[in-house]
N, C-alpha and C. Protein backbone atom coordinates (compact mmCIF):
# COMPACT_ATOMS: atom_id res chain seq x y z
N MET A 1 -0.56 19.49 210.99
CA MET A 1 -1.09 20.78 211.38
C MET A 1 -2.62 20.72 211.45
N LYS A 2 -3.14 21.21 212.52
CA LYS A 2 -4.58 21.21 212.73
C LYS A 2 -5.19 22.40 212.00
N HIS A 3 -6.22 22.14 211.20
CA HIS A 3 -6.92 23.21 210.50
C HIS A 3 -7.97 23.80 211.41
N GLU A 4 -8.17 25.10 211.28
CA GLU A 4 -9.20 25.76 212.09
C GLU A 4 -10.44 26.01 211.26
N ASP A 5 -11.59 26.00 211.94
CA ASP A 5 -12.85 26.30 211.28
C ASP A 5 -13.49 27.52 211.95
N ARG A 6 -14.68 27.87 211.50
CA ARG A 6 -15.37 29.03 212.07
C ARG A 6 -15.65 28.85 213.56
N ILE A 7 -15.90 27.63 213.96
CA ILE A 7 -16.20 27.38 215.38
C ILE A 7 -14.97 27.67 216.23
N ASP A 8 -13.77 27.35 215.75
CA ASP A 8 -12.56 27.70 216.49
C ASP A 8 -12.47 29.21 216.71
N GLU A 9 -12.82 29.98 215.69
CA GLU A 9 -12.80 31.44 215.81
C GLU A 9 -13.81 31.92 216.85
N ILE A 10 -15.01 31.35 216.82
CA ILE A 10 -16.05 31.72 217.79
C ILE A 10 -15.61 31.36 219.20
N LEU A 11 -15.04 30.17 219.37
CA LEU A 11 -14.58 29.74 220.70
C LEU A 11 -13.46 30.63 221.22
N ALA A 12 -12.58 31.04 220.33
CA ALA A 12 -11.48 31.94 220.74
C ALA A 12 -12.05 33.27 221.23
N GLN A 13 -13.07 33.77 220.55
CA GLN A 13 -13.69 35.02 220.98
C GLN A 13 -14.32 34.86 222.36
N TRP A 14 -15.07 33.76 222.57
CA TRP A 14 -15.67 33.54 223.87
C TRP A 14 -14.62 33.34 224.95
N ALA A 15 -13.56 32.62 224.64
CA ALA A 15 -12.49 32.38 225.62
C ALA A 15 -11.84 33.71 226.03
N ARG A 16 -11.71 34.61 225.09
CA ARG A 16 -11.15 35.92 225.39
C ARG A 16 -12.10 36.72 226.28
N GLU A 17 -13.40 36.65 225.99
CA GLU A 17 -14.38 37.46 226.71
C GLU A 17 -14.81 36.85 228.05
N VAL A 18 -14.84 35.53 228.10
CA VAL A 18 -15.28 34.83 229.32
C VAL A 18 -14.28 33.70 229.57
N PRO A 19 -13.09 34.05 230.08
CA PRO A 19 -11.98 33.09 230.17
C PRO A 19 -12.26 31.82 230.98
N ARG A 20 -13.13 31.87 231.94
CA ARG A 20 -13.37 30.70 232.79
C ARG A 20 -14.51 29.81 232.29
N ALA A 21 -15.15 30.18 231.21
CA ALA A 21 -16.29 29.40 230.70
C ALA A 21 -15.82 28.07 230.12
N ASP A 22 -16.58 27.03 230.40
CA ASP A 22 -16.31 25.70 229.83
C ASP A 22 -17.01 25.65 228.47
N LEU A 23 -16.25 25.68 227.42
CA LEU A 23 -16.78 25.78 226.06
C LEU A 23 -16.80 24.45 225.31
N ARG A 24 -16.50 23.36 226.00
CA ARG A 24 -16.42 22.06 225.31
C ARG A 24 -17.74 21.66 224.66
N ASP A 25 -18.86 21.87 225.34
CA ASP A 25 -20.15 21.51 224.76
C ASP A 25 -20.53 22.45 223.63
N MET A 26 -20.21 23.72 223.77
CA MET A 26 -20.46 24.69 222.71
C MET A 26 -19.69 24.30 221.44
N GLU A 27 -18.51 23.77 221.63
CA GLU A 27 -17.69 23.34 220.50
C GLU A 27 -18.39 22.22 219.72
N VAL A 28 -18.96 21.26 220.44
CA VAL A 28 -19.64 20.15 219.78
C VAL A 28 -20.94 20.62 219.13
N ILE A 29 -21.79 21.30 219.90
CA ILE A 29 -23.08 21.76 219.37
C ILE A 29 -22.87 22.72 218.20
N GLY A 30 -21.94 23.62 218.32
CA GLY A 30 -21.64 24.56 217.25
C GLY A 30 -21.24 23.86 215.96
N ARG A 31 -20.41 22.85 216.08
CA ARG A 31 -19.99 22.12 214.88
C ARG A 31 -21.13 21.31 214.28
N ILE A 32 -21.98 20.73 215.11
CA ILE A 32 -23.14 20.01 214.59
C ILE A 32 -24.05 20.97 213.85
N GLN A 33 -24.31 22.13 214.45
CA GLN A 33 -25.19 23.11 213.80
C GLN A 33 -24.60 23.63 212.49
N ARG A 34 -23.35 23.96 212.51
CA ARG A 34 -22.69 24.48 211.30
C ARG A 34 -22.65 23.42 210.22
N ALA A 35 -22.32 22.19 210.59
CA ALA A 35 -22.29 21.10 209.62
C ALA A 35 -23.68 20.88 209.03
N ALA A 36 -24.71 20.93 209.87
CA ALA A 36 -26.08 20.72 209.39
C ALA A 36 -26.47 21.79 208.36
N GLN A 37 -26.09 23.05 208.61
CA GLN A 37 -26.39 24.12 207.66
C GLN A 37 -25.71 23.88 206.32
N ILE A 38 -24.45 23.56 206.36
CA ILE A 38 -23.69 23.34 205.13
C ILE A 38 -24.19 22.10 204.41
N LEU A 39 -24.43 21.02 205.14
CA LEU A 39 -24.91 19.79 204.53
C LEU A 39 -26.26 19.99 203.86
N ARG A 40 -27.18 20.71 204.50
CA ARG A 40 -28.50 20.94 203.91
C ARG A 40 -28.35 21.65 202.56
N THR A 41 -27.49 22.64 202.50
CA THR A 41 -27.27 23.37 201.24
C THR A 41 -26.70 22.45 200.18
N ARG A 42 -25.69 21.67 200.54
CA ARG A 42 -25.05 20.78 199.56
C ARG A 42 -25.96 19.64 199.13
N LEU A 43 -26.79 19.14 200.03
CA LEU A 43 -27.75 18.10 199.68
C LEU A 43 -28.83 18.67 198.75
N ASP A 44 -29.33 19.85 199.09
CA ASP A 44 -30.36 20.48 198.27
C ASP A 44 -29.88 20.76 196.85
N GLU A 45 -28.61 21.14 196.71
CA GLU A 45 -28.06 21.40 195.37
C GLU A 45 -28.14 20.15 194.51
N VAL A 46 -27.84 19.00 195.07
CA VAL A 46 -27.88 17.75 194.31
C VAL A 46 -29.33 17.32 194.06
N HIS A 47 -30.21 17.49 195.05
CA HIS A 47 -31.63 17.15 194.84
C HIS A 47 -32.22 17.98 193.71
N ALA A 48 -31.82 19.23 193.61
CA ALA A 48 -32.33 20.11 192.55
C ALA A 48 -31.99 19.57 191.16
N ARG A 49 -30.87 18.88 191.05
CA ARG A 49 -30.50 18.29 189.75
C ARG A 49 -31.51 17.23 189.32
N SER A 50 -32.24 16.67 190.27
CA SER A 50 -33.30 15.70 189.97
C SER A 50 -34.67 16.36 189.92
N GLY A 51 -34.70 17.68 190.02
CA GLY A 51 -35.97 18.41 190.00
C GLY A 51 -36.70 18.37 191.32
N LEU A 52 -36.00 18.11 192.39
CA LEU A 52 -36.62 17.96 193.71
C LEU A 52 -36.05 18.95 194.70
N SER A 53 -36.83 19.27 195.71
CA SER A 53 -36.31 19.93 196.90
C SER A 53 -35.95 18.83 197.89
N GLY A 54 -35.28 19.19 198.96
CA GLY A 54 -34.95 18.20 199.98
C GLY A 54 -36.21 17.59 200.57
N GLY A 55 -37.25 18.39 200.76
CA GLY A 55 -38.50 17.90 201.32
C GLY A 55 -39.21 16.91 200.41
N LEU A 56 -39.22 17.20 199.11
CA LEU A 56 -39.85 16.29 198.16
C LEU A 56 -39.05 14.99 198.05
N PHE A 57 -37.73 15.11 198.07
CA PHE A 57 -36.87 13.92 198.07
C PHE A 57 -37.22 13.04 199.26
N ASP A 58 -37.39 13.66 200.44
CA ASP A 58 -37.68 12.89 201.66
C ASP A 58 -38.98 12.11 201.55
N VAL A 59 -40.02 12.72 200.97
CA VAL A 59 -41.30 12.02 200.81
C VAL A 59 -41.13 10.83 199.88
N LEU A 60 -40.52 11.07 198.71
CA LEU A 60 -40.33 9.98 197.75
C LEU A 60 -39.44 8.88 198.33
N ALA A 61 -38.39 9.26 199.03
CA ALA A 61 -37.48 8.27 199.63
C ALA A 61 -38.20 7.44 200.70
N THR A 62 -39.07 8.08 201.47
CA THR A 62 -39.82 7.36 202.50
C THR A 62 -40.75 6.33 201.86
N LEU A 63 -41.43 6.73 200.80
CA LEU A 63 -42.29 5.78 200.08
C LEU A 63 -41.47 4.65 199.47
N ARG A 64 -40.34 4.99 198.87
CA ARG A 64 -39.50 3.99 198.19
C ARG A 64 -38.95 2.96 199.17
N ARG A 65 -38.49 3.41 200.32
CA ARG A 65 -37.88 2.48 201.27
C ARG A 65 -38.93 1.67 202.03
N SER A 66 -40.21 2.05 201.89
CA SER A 66 -41.26 1.28 202.56
C SER A 66 -41.48 -0.07 201.89
N GLY A 67 -40.94 -0.25 200.68
CA GLY A 67 -41.08 -1.52 199.96
C GLY A 67 -42.38 -1.59 199.18
N LYS A 68 -42.44 -2.57 198.30
CA LYS A 68 -43.63 -2.73 197.46
C LYS A 68 -44.86 -2.88 198.35
N PRO A 69 -45.92 -2.27 198.02
CA PRO A 69 -46.26 -1.53 196.80
C PRO A 69 -45.93 -0.03 196.87
N TYR A 70 -44.96 0.37 197.72
CA TYR A 70 -44.52 1.76 197.85
C TYR A 70 -45.70 2.67 198.17
N ARG A 71 -46.39 2.31 199.24
CA ARG A 71 -47.65 2.98 199.58
C ARG A 71 -47.72 3.14 201.09
N LEU A 72 -48.03 4.35 201.53
CA LEU A 72 -48.20 4.63 202.96
C LEU A 72 -49.37 5.57 203.16
N SER A 73 -49.91 5.56 204.35
CA SER A 73 -50.96 6.53 204.68
C SER A 73 -50.30 7.89 204.92
N PRO A 74 -51.06 8.96 204.74
CA PRO A 74 -50.50 10.28 205.06
C PRO A 74 -50.01 10.36 206.51
N THR A 75 -50.69 9.66 207.42
CA THR A 75 -50.28 9.66 208.83
C THR A 75 -48.92 8.99 209.00
N GLU A 76 -48.71 7.87 208.31
CA GLU A 76 -47.40 7.21 208.39
C GLU A 76 -46.31 8.12 207.82
N LEU A 77 -46.58 8.76 206.70
CA LEU A 77 -45.60 9.70 206.13
C LEU A 77 -45.32 10.84 207.11
N TYR A 78 -46.38 11.36 207.67
CA TYR A 78 -46.28 12.47 208.62
C TYR A 78 -45.38 12.09 209.80
N LYS A 79 -45.56 10.88 210.32
CA LYS A 79 -44.75 10.43 211.47
C LYS A 79 -43.28 10.26 211.08
N TRP A 80 -43.03 9.67 209.91
CA TRP A 80 -41.64 9.47 209.48
C TRP A 80 -40.94 10.78 209.22
N LEU A 81 -41.66 11.73 208.64
CA LEU A 81 -41.03 12.98 208.21
C LEU A 81 -41.13 14.10 209.24
N MET A 82 -41.90 13.89 210.31
CA MET A 82 -42.04 14.87 211.38
C MET A 82 -42.45 16.23 210.83
N LEU A 83 -43.53 16.26 210.08
CA LEU A 83 -44.05 17.48 209.48
C LEU A 83 -45.43 17.81 210.04
N THR A 84 -45.84 19.05 209.85
CA THR A 84 -47.22 19.39 210.15
C THR A 84 -48.09 18.81 209.04
N SER A 85 -49.36 18.62 209.32
CA SER A 85 -50.24 18.07 208.29
C SER A 85 -50.33 19.02 207.11
N GLY A 86 -50.28 20.33 207.34
CA GLY A 86 -50.32 21.30 206.25
C GLY A 86 -49.10 21.18 205.34
N ALA A 87 -47.93 21.04 205.93
CA ALA A 87 -46.71 20.88 205.14
C ALA A 87 -46.75 19.59 204.34
N MET A 88 -47.27 18.53 204.95
CA MET A 88 -47.37 17.25 204.25
C MET A 88 -48.33 17.37 203.07
N THR A 89 -49.45 18.01 203.28
CA THR A 89 -50.43 18.18 202.20
C THR A 89 -49.81 18.95 201.04
N ASN A 90 -49.08 20.02 201.34
CA ASN A 90 -48.44 20.81 200.28
C ASN A 90 -47.46 19.96 199.48
N ARG A 91 -46.67 19.17 200.16
CA ARG A 91 -45.70 18.32 199.46
C ARG A 91 -46.40 17.27 198.60
N LEU A 92 -47.44 16.66 199.16
CA LEU A 92 -48.16 15.64 198.40
C LEU A 92 -48.87 16.25 197.19
N ASP A 93 -49.43 17.43 197.36
CA ASP A 93 -50.07 18.10 196.22
C ASP A 93 -49.06 18.34 195.10
N ARG A 94 -47.90 18.82 195.46
CA ARG A 94 -46.87 19.10 194.46
C ARG A 94 -46.40 17.82 193.77
N LEU A 95 -46.14 16.78 194.54
CA LEU A 95 -45.68 15.51 193.97
C LEU A 95 -46.76 14.89 193.09
N GLU A 96 -48.01 15.02 193.51
CA GLU A 96 -49.11 14.47 192.71
C GLU A 96 -49.26 15.25 191.40
N SER A 97 -49.13 16.57 191.46
CA SER A 97 -49.26 17.38 190.24
C SER A 97 -48.15 17.07 189.24
N GLU A 98 -47.01 16.59 189.73
CA GLU A 98 -45.89 16.23 188.86
C GLU A 98 -45.94 14.75 188.44
N GLY A 99 -46.97 14.04 188.90
CA GLY A 99 -47.13 12.65 188.52
C GLY A 99 -46.19 11.70 189.22
N LEU A 100 -45.63 12.11 190.37
CA LEU A 100 -44.67 11.28 191.09
C LEU A 100 -45.33 10.40 192.15
N VAL A 101 -46.48 10.83 192.64
CA VAL A 101 -47.29 10.03 193.57
C VAL A 101 -48.74 10.15 193.15
N ARG A 102 -49.54 9.24 193.67
CA ARG A 102 -50.99 9.35 193.49
C ARG A 102 -51.65 8.95 194.80
N ARG A 103 -52.80 9.51 195.02
CA ARG A 103 -53.59 9.16 196.18
C ARG A 103 -54.57 8.08 195.75
N VAL A 104 -54.64 7.01 196.55
CA VAL A 104 -55.54 5.90 196.24
C VAL A 104 -56.36 5.56 197.48
N ALA A 105 -57.53 5.01 197.26
CA ALA A 105 -58.39 4.61 198.38
C ALA A 105 -57.72 3.47 199.16
N ASP A 106 -57.87 3.52 200.45
CA ASP A 106 -57.37 2.47 201.33
C ASP A 106 -58.43 1.38 201.41
N THR A 107 -58.17 0.25 200.80
CA THR A 107 -59.16 -0.83 200.77
C THR A 107 -59.42 -1.40 202.17
N GLY A 108 -58.50 -1.18 203.08
CA GLY A 108 -58.67 -1.66 204.46
C GLY A 108 -59.44 -0.69 205.33
N ASP A 109 -59.66 0.53 204.85
CA ASP A 109 -60.37 1.55 205.62
C ASP A 109 -61.10 2.43 204.62
N ARG A 110 -62.40 2.26 204.51
CA ARG A 110 -63.17 2.99 203.49
C ARG A 110 -63.04 4.50 203.62
N ARG A 111 -62.74 4.98 204.81
CA ARG A 111 -62.60 6.42 205.00
C ARG A 111 -61.19 6.90 204.67
N GLY A 112 -60.27 5.97 204.55
CA GLY A 112 -58.86 6.32 204.43
C GLY A 112 -58.36 6.45 203.00
N MET A 113 -57.16 7.00 202.91
CA MET A 113 -56.50 7.19 201.65
C MET A 113 -55.03 6.83 201.84
N LEU A 114 -54.40 6.35 200.79
CA LEU A 114 -52.98 6.03 200.82
C LEU A 114 -52.27 6.85 199.75
N VAL A 115 -51.01 7.09 199.98
CA VAL A 115 -50.16 7.77 199.00
C VAL A 115 -49.25 6.72 198.41
N GLU A 116 -49.24 6.66 197.08
CA GLU A 116 -48.51 5.61 196.38
C GLU A 116 -47.52 6.23 195.39
N LEU A 117 -46.35 5.68 195.36
CA LEU A 117 -45.33 6.08 194.40
C LEU A 117 -45.74 5.59 193.01
N THR A 118 -45.71 6.49 192.02
CA THR A 118 -46.00 6.08 190.64
C THR A 118 -44.72 5.52 190.01
N ALA A 119 -44.86 4.94 188.83
CA ALA A 119 -43.67 4.45 188.11
C ALA A 119 -42.70 5.60 187.86
N LYS A 120 -43.23 6.76 187.48
CA LYS A 120 -42.39 7.94 187.27
C LYS A 120 -41.72 8.36 188.58
N GLY A 121 -42.46 8.28 189.67
CA GLY A 121 -41.90 8.62 190.98
C GLY A 121 -40.78 7.67 191.38
N LYS A 122 -40.97 6.38 191.10
CA LYS A 122 -39.94 5.39 191.43
C LYS A 122 -38.68 5.64 190.61
N THR A 123 -38.85 5.91 189.33
CA THR A 123 -37.69 6.21 188.47
C THR A 123 -36.98 7.46 188.96
N THR A 124 -37.77 8.48 189.33
CA THR A 124 -37.20 9.74 189.80
C THR A 124 -36.42 9.55 191.09
N ILE A 125 -37.00 8.85 192.06
CA ILE A 125 -36.31 8.68 193.34
C ILE A 125 -35.11 7.76 193.20
N ASP A 126 -35.19 6.75 192.35
CA ASP A 126 -34.03 5.88 192.17
C ASP A 126 -32.85 6.66 191.58
N GLY A 127 -33.12 7.52 190.62
CA GLY A 127 -32.05 8.36 190.06
C GLY A 127 -31.52 9.36 191.07
N ALA A 128 -32.44 9.98 191.79
CA ALA A 128 -32.06 10.97 192.80
C ALA A 128 -31.26 10.31 193.93
N LEU A 129 -31.64 9.09 194.30
CA LEU A 129 -30.93 8.38 195.37
C LEU A 129 -29.49 8.08 194.97
N LYS A 130 -29.30 7.69 193.73
CA LYS A 130 -27.94 7.43 193.24
C LYS A 130 -27.07 8.69 193.39
N LEU A 131 -27.60 9.82 192.95
CA LEU A 131 -26.86 11.09 193.08
C LEU A 131 -26.66 11.46 194.55
N HIS A 132 -27.67 11.22 195.37
CA HIS A 132 -27.62 11.53 196.79
C HIS A 132 -26.51 10.74 197.49
N LEU A 133 -26.44 9.44 197.22
CA LEU A 133 -25.42 8.61 197.85
C LEU A 133 -24.01 8.99 197.40
N GLU A 134 -23.85 9.30 196.12
CA GLU A 134 -22.55 9.77 195.62
C GLU A 134 -22.16 11.08 196.30
N ASN A 135 -23.14 11.96 196.48
CA ASN A 135 -22.90 13.25 197.13
C ASN A 135 -22.49 13.05 198.59
N GLU A 136 -23.20 12.17 199.31
CA GLU A 136 -22.84 11.92 200.70
C GLU A 136 -21.41 11.38 200.82
N LYS A 137 -21.04 10.50 199.90
CA LYS A 137 -19.68 9.96 199.91
C LYS A 137 -18.66 11.10 199.73
N ARG A 138 -18.95 12.01 198.80
CA ARG A 138 -18.07 13.17 198.56
C ARG A 138 -17.99 14.07 199.79
N LEU A 139 -19.14 14.31 200.41
CA LEU A 139 -19.20 15.20 201.56
C LEU A 139 -18.42 14.67 202.76
N LEU A 140 -18.32 13.36 202.87
CA LEU A 140 -17.61 12.75 204.01
C LEU A 140 -16.23 12.21 203.63
N ALA A 141 -15.76 12.53 202.45
CA ALA A 141 -14.49 11.98 201.95
C ALA A 141 -13.30 12.28 202.86
N ALA A 142 -13.33 13.38 203.59
CA ALA A 142 -12.20 13.74 204.45
C ALA A 142 -12.15 12.92 205.73
N VAL A 143 -13.20 12.16 206.01
CA VAL A 143 -13.26 11.37 207.25
C VAL A 143 -13.00 9.91 206.89
N PRO A 144 -11.96 9.29 207.46
CA PRO A 144 -11.69 7.88 207.18
C PRO A 144 -12.87 7.00 207.59
N ALA A 145 -12.99 5.83 207.00
CA ALA A 145 -14.12 4.92 207.25
C ALA A 145 -14.31 4.64 208.75
N GLN A 146 -13.24 4.38 209.48
CA GLN A 146 -13.35 4.10 210.91
C GLN A 146 -13.87 5.33 211.65
N GLY A 147 -13.44 6.49 211.25
CA GLY A 147 -13.93 7.73 211.86
C GLY A 147 -15.41 7.94 211.60
N ARG A 148 -15.87 7.59 210.40
CA ARG A 148 -17.30 7.70 210.08
C ARG A 148 -18.11 6.79 210.98
N ARG A 149 -17.62 5.56 211.20
CA ARG A 149 -18.33 4.63 212.08
C ARG A 149 -18.42 5.20 213.49
N GLN A 150 -17.30 5.74 214.00
CA GLN A 150 -17.29 6.32 215.35
C GLN A 150 -18.22 7.53 215.42
N LEU A 151 -18.16 8.37 214.40
CA LEU A 151 -19.01 9.55 214.37
C LEU A 151 -20.49 9.15 214.35
N ALA A 152 -20.83 8.16 213.53
CA ALA A 152 -22.21 7.68 213.46
C ALA A 152 -22.67 7.16 214.83
N ASP A 153 -21.81 6.41 215.51
CA ASP A 153 -22.15 5.87 216.82
C ASP A 153 -22.35 6.98 217.85
N LEU A 154 -21.47 7.97 217.84
CA LEU A 154 -21.58 9.08 218.78
C LEU A 154 -22.84 9.91 218.52
N LEU A 155 -23.12 10.16 217.25
CA LEU A 155 -24.33 10.93 216.92
C LEU A 155 -25.59 10.15 217.26
N ARG A 156 -25.56 8.81 217.13
CA ARG A 156 -26.70 8.00 217.56
C ARG A 156 -26.95 8.22 219.05
N ASP A 157 -25.89 8.21 219.85
CA ASP A 157 -26.04 8.43 221.29
C ASP A 157 -26.70 9.78 221.57
N VAL A 158 -26.27 10.80 220.84
CA VAL A 158 -26.85 12.14 221.00
C VAL A 158 -28.34 12.11 220.65
N LEU A 159 -28.67 11.51 219.50
CA LEU A 159 -30.05 11.48 219.05
C LEU A 159 -30.96 10.66 219.97
N VAL A 160 -30.48 9.52 220.43
CA VAL A 160 -31.28 8.71 221.36
C VAL A 160 -31.61 9.53 222.60
N ASN A 161 -30.64 10.24 223.11
CA ASN A 161 -30.85 11.08 224.29
C ASN A 161 -31.83 12.20 223.98
N LEU A 162 -31.65 12.89 222.85
CA LEU A 162 -32.52 14.01 222.50
C LEU A 162 -33.96 13.54 222.21
N GLU A 163 -34.09 12.43 221.51
CA GLU A 163 -35.43 11.95 221.14
C GLU A 163 -36.20 11.39 222.33
N SER A 164 -35.49 10.94 223.34
CA SER A 164 -36.19 10.39 224.51
C SER A 164 -36.57 11.47 225.51
N ALA A 165 -36.00 12.65 225.35
CA ALA A 165 -36.28 13.74 226.30
C ALA A 165 -37.63 14.36 226.05
């Protein structure tokens, strides 16, 4: 038996009101949007257990995955996280006040500054990452491994198209 979701209800309403409309794309986009809303909430709940918001997790994770010495310029962080400079500054200020990152002079550019993960920041993100990965596994538990691979491939196609436009 096929289970119905909120998108099925919305599509049924549109089909009733506009019977000749092709709703196949709305079905896909609607499910992506609804899934994104639910996922953001469920991800944020787990990040909060580590004392982080989703945005702070993203900054720490970006620094952590950059490899030793876990240091990037604000511009590099900005590009990876697709934030305004003001939003980036606010996040960095908060992380610095909590001792999770520090700003250091860029020895390669006397005018520049780098953001570096502290030991406390590394410990925090490593613990948060463990919880994050367990949470992602739980969130996708209903989708078999082969389905996850197919879904990932299809979503990559969507993103490549969207990002190149």
